[in-house]
Amino acid sequence: MDEADRIAGLYERHADAFDRIRGRDLSEKPWLDRFTAPLAASLITRGFAVTGVDASQTLVGLCRARHPAHDWYVADMRGFAPGKTFAGILAWHSFFHLTPQDQRAMFPRFAAMAAPGAMLLFTSGPSQGVVVGTFQGEPLYHASLGGAEYRELLAANGFAVVEHRREDPDCGGATVWLARKSG
C-alpha cells in the first residue's frame, strides 16, 4: 500500500486530533465567500442543503452530530455517486491527497455532479509534484498536477476558471481554484 492509499486510515485514526487542531478561524472564508456569492440567493431560497462526503467514519459522525439536518456520507470521493447534481462542489484540502491519475479521473466526476452554472472550489499544490509530509507522526501524501493541466482538465469538462491563486497569503498559503460549470 502506498502513502496515497493510507490517507483515509490516517484521518480515521487521528480524527479527534484533526478536528481539534483544524481550527475554527476559517482562514478559507474569503474563498468560501467567493464560492457562494453567485449562489447566495438560490441557496437561501432553497434552504442551503449540504451534502458532505469523507472517508473517515469518525469525521462524518462529528458532522452528523453537529449538523444533523444535512446529508453526510462515509465514502471515497473517487467512487461517490450521489445520483443528483449540485449547485456547488467543494474539495477543500482533500483533493490533493489523491494521486495524479486519480485527480485527473475526478474532473469528469465533478462535471457529472455539477448542475449548469455550478461552482467548483478546490485546493491543489502550488506546482506539479508529490510531497509526503506528516500528520500526528504519520506520513501524509499530497500530489498536484501543474497549473496548465488543471486548466485543461477544467475546460475539457465544461468548467471555466473564475479565479486561481497560487499560495494565497490570505488563506494560509493554500493554492485555490474556483471554476464555474457552463450552463
Protein backbone atom coordinates (compact mmCIF):
# COMPACT_ATOMS: atom_id res chain seq x y z
CA MET A 1 0.00 0.00 0.00
CA ASP A 2 1.48 3.38 -0.91
CA GLU A 3 1.07 6.61 1.05
CA ALA A 4 -1.86 7.86 -1.09
CA ASP A 5 -3.83 4.73 -0.19
CA ARG A 6 -3.24 5.30 3.52
CA ILE A 7 -4.95 8.72 3.74
CA ALA A 8 -8.41 7.51 4.84
CA GLY A 9 -6.94 5.35 7.60
CA LEU A 10 -4.69 8.16 8.80
CA TYR A 11 -7.61 10.59 9.10
CA GLU A 12 -9.75 7.93 10.79
CA ARG A 13 -7.04 7.12 13.35
CA HIS A 14 -6.46 10.80 14.09
CA ALA A 15 -9.96 12.22 13.54
CA ASP A 16 -10.15 13.74 17.01
CA ALA A 17 -6.74 15.40 16.64
CA PHE A 18 -7.64 16.71 13.18
CA ASP A 19 -10.93 18.09 14.49
CA ARG A 20 -9.18 19.71 17.45
CA ILE A 21 -6.34 21.38 15.52
CA ARG A 22 -8.31 22.21 12.36
CA GLY A 23 -9.25 25.49 13.98
CA ARG A 24 -12.39 27.48 13.80
CA ASP A 25 -10.97 30.71 12.37
CA LEU A 26 -11.93 29.81 8.79
CA SER A 27 -8.85 31.14 7.03
CA GLU A 28 -10.58 29.97 3.86
CA LYS A 29 -13.58 32.29 4.45
CA PRO A 30 -12.67 34.71 1.61
CA TRP A 31 -12.71 31.78 -0.82
CA LEU A 32 -15.92 30.38 0.62
CA ASP A 33 -17.49 33.82 0.17
CA ARG A 34 -16.38 33.88 -3.48
CA PHE A 35 -17.70 30.33 -3.91
CA THR A 36 -21.14 31.11 -2.52
CA ALA A 37 -21.61 34.66 -3.86
CA PRO A 38 -23.08 33.57 -7.23
CA LEU A 39 -25.29 31.07 -5.45
CA ALA A 40 -26.39 33.04 -2.39
CA ALA A 41 -29.95 33.91 -3.43
CA SER A 42 -30.56 30.43 -4.77
CA LEU A 43 -29.07 28.75 -1.69
CA ILE A 44 -31.05 30.93 0.70
CA THR A 45 -34.27 30.28 -1.21
CA ARG A 46 -33.60 26.55 -1.20
CA GLY A 47 -32.52 26.40 2.45
CA PHE A 48 -28.83 25.74 1.66
CA ALA A 49 -28.78 21.96 1.92
CA VAL A 50 -25.34 20.43 2.35
CA THR A 51 -24.13 17.00 1.29
CA GLY A 52 -20.79 16.00 2.79
CA VAL A 53 -18.50 13.12 1.89
CA ASP A 54 -15.47 11.86 3.79
CA ALA A 55 -13.72 8.52 4.06
CA SER A 56 -13.41 8.89 7.84
CA GLN A 57 -16.39 7.47 9.72
CA THR A 58 -15.43 9.46 12.82
CA LEU A 59 -15.25 12.78 10.96
CA VAL A 60 -18.59 12.10 9.27
CA GLY A 61 -20.01 11.21 12.69
CA LEU A 62 -18.89 14.58 14.03
CA CYS A 63 -20.59 16.32 11.08
CA ARG A 64 -23.80 14.35 11.62
CA ALA A 65 -23.81 15.27 15.31
CA ARG A 66 -23.13 18.96 14.66
CA HIS A 67 -25.33 19.37 11.58
CA PRO A 68 -28.00 16.66 11.64
CA ALA A 69 -30.29 18.36 9.12
CA HIS A 70 -27.82 17.72 6.29
CA ASP A 71 -26.68 14.63 4.38
CA TRP A 72 -23.35 13.04 5.34
CA TYR A 73 -21.75 10.02 3.68
CA VAL A 74 -18.79 7.84 4.61
CA ALA A 75 -17.36 7.32 1.14
CA ASP A 76 -14.30 7.77 -1.02
CA MET A 77 -14.81 10.75 -3.34
CA ARG A 78 -13.43 8.69 -6.21
CA GLY A 79 -16.45 6.39 -6.09
CA PHE A 80 -19.15 8.67 -4.68
CA ALA A 81 -22.19 8.64 -6.98
CA PRO A 82 -25.00 10.69 -5.47
CA GLY A 83 -27.41 10.32 -8.39
CA LYS A 84 -28.08 14.05 -8.42
CA THR A 85 -26.32 17.29 -9.27
CA PHE A 86 -25.24 20.13 -7.01
CA ALA A 87 -25.06 23.93 -7.26
CA GLY A 88 -21.60 23.82 -5.74
CA ILE A 89 -18.82 21.29 -5.18
CA LEU A 90 -16.13 21.94 -2.60
CA ALA A 91 -12.99 19.79 -2.34
CA TRP A 92 -11.06 21.80 0.23
CA HIS A 93 -7.76 20.31 1.42
CA SER A 94 -8.86 16.85 0.30
CA PHE A 95 -8.48 16.59 -3.47
CA PHE A 96 -4.68 16.92 -3.24
CA HIS A 97 -4.47 13.68 -1.26
CA LEU A 98 -5.31 11.79 -4.46
CA THR A 99 -2.66 10.50 -6.85
CA PRO A 100 -2.21 12.47 -10.08
CA GLN A 101 -4.08 9.75 -12.02
CA ASP A 102 -6.99 9.84 -9.56
CA GLN A 103 -7.10 13.64 -9.71
CA ARG A 104 -7.38 13.52 -13.50
CA ALA A 105 -10.20 10.99 -13.21
CA MET A 106 -12.11 13.24 -10.79
CA PHE A 107 -12.79 16.02 -13.31
CA PRO A 108 -15.39 14.03 -15.28
CA ARG A 109 -16.93 13.07 -11.91
CA PHE A 110 -17.05 16.73 -10.87
CA ALA A 111 -18.70 17.55 -14.20
CA ALA A 112 -21.29 14.81 -13.73
CA MET A 113 -22.15 16.08 -10.23
CA ALA A 114 -22.25 19.77 -11.21
CA ALA A 115 -25.51 21.40 -12.24
CA PRO A 116 -25.32 24.01 -15.03
CA GLY A 117 -23.68 27.11 -13.57
CA ALA A 118 -22.36 25.21 -10.52
CA MET A 119 -19.26 26.44 -8.77
CA LEU A 120 -16.29 24.12 -8.14
CA LEU A 121 -13.80 25.12 -5.46
CA PHE A 122 -10.73 23.01 -4.73
CA THR A 123 -7.20 23.29 -3.41
CA SER A 124 -4.10 21.88 -5.05
CA GLY A 125 -0.39 22.07 -4.51
CA PRO A 126 1.42 25.15 -5.83
CA SER A 127 3.15 23.19 -8.59
CA GLN A 128 3.34 19.74 -10.13
CA GLY A 129 4.77 17.07 -7.88
CA VAL A 130 4.32 14.76 -4.93
CA VAL A 131 5.16 15.69 -1.35
CA VAL A 132 4.86 13.41 1.66
CA GLY A 133 4.52 15.41 4.83
CA THR A 134 3.48 14.21 8.28
CA PHE A 135 0.36 14.40 10.43
CA GLN A 136 0.47 13.18 14.02
CA GLY A 137 3.79 11.48 13.23
CA GLU A 138 2.47 9.53 10.23
CA PRO A 139 3.22 10.08 6.53
CA LEU A 140 0.67 12.33 4.79
CA TYR A 141 0.59 12.17 0.98
CA HIS A 142 -0.02 15.22 -1.20
CA ALA A 143 0.10 15.45 -5.01
CA SER A 144 -0.52 18.16 -7.54
CA LEU A 145 -0.73 18.48 -11.26
CA GLY A 146 0.66 21.56 -12.99
CA GLY A 147 -1.48 24.66 -13.36
CA ALA A 148 -1.76 24.29 -17.13
CA GLU A 149 -3.02 20.73 -16.77
CA TYR A 150 -5.66 21.76 -14.21
CA ARG A 151 -6.85 24.47 -16.62
CA GLU A 152 -7.00 21.93 -19.48
CA LEU A 153 -8.92 19.40 -17.37
CA LEU A 154 -11.37 22.02 -16.18
CA ALA A 155 -12.01 23.27 -19.74
CA ALA A 156 -12.32 19.74 -21.15
CA ASN A 157 -15.00 19.01 -18.55
CA GLY A 158 -17.05 22.16 -19.07
CA PHE A 159 -15.62 24.43 -16.37
CA ALA A 160 -14.26 27.94 -16.79
CA VAL A 161 -11.71 29.22 -14.26
CA VAL A 162 -13.21 32.15 -12.36
CA GLU A 163 -10.21 32.73 -10.14
CA HIS A 164 -6.96 31.00 -9.24
CA ARG A 165 -4.44 31.94 -6.58
CA ARG A 166 -1.16 30.18 -6.05
CA GLU A 167 -0.12 30.08 -2.39
CA ASP A 168 -2.72 32.67 -1.37
CA PRO A 169 -1.26 34.55 1.62
CA ASP A 170 -4.76 35.49 2.80
CA CYS A 171 -5.70 31.81 3.00
CA GLY A 172 -2.83 30.24 4.90
CA GLY A 173 -0.77 29.75 1.72
CA ALA A 174 -3.35 27.48 0.06
CA THR A 175 -3.36 27.20 -3.73
CA VAL A 176 -7.00 27.70 -4.66
CA TRP A 177 -9.07 27.13 -7.80
CA LEU A 178 -12.58 28.49 -8.34
CA ALA A 179 -14.37 27.44 -11.53
CA ARG A 180 -17.92 27.55 -12.91
CA LYS A 181 -19.64 24.85 -14.95
CA SER A 182 -21.01 26.07 -18.27
CA GLY A 183 -24.72 26.27 -18.26
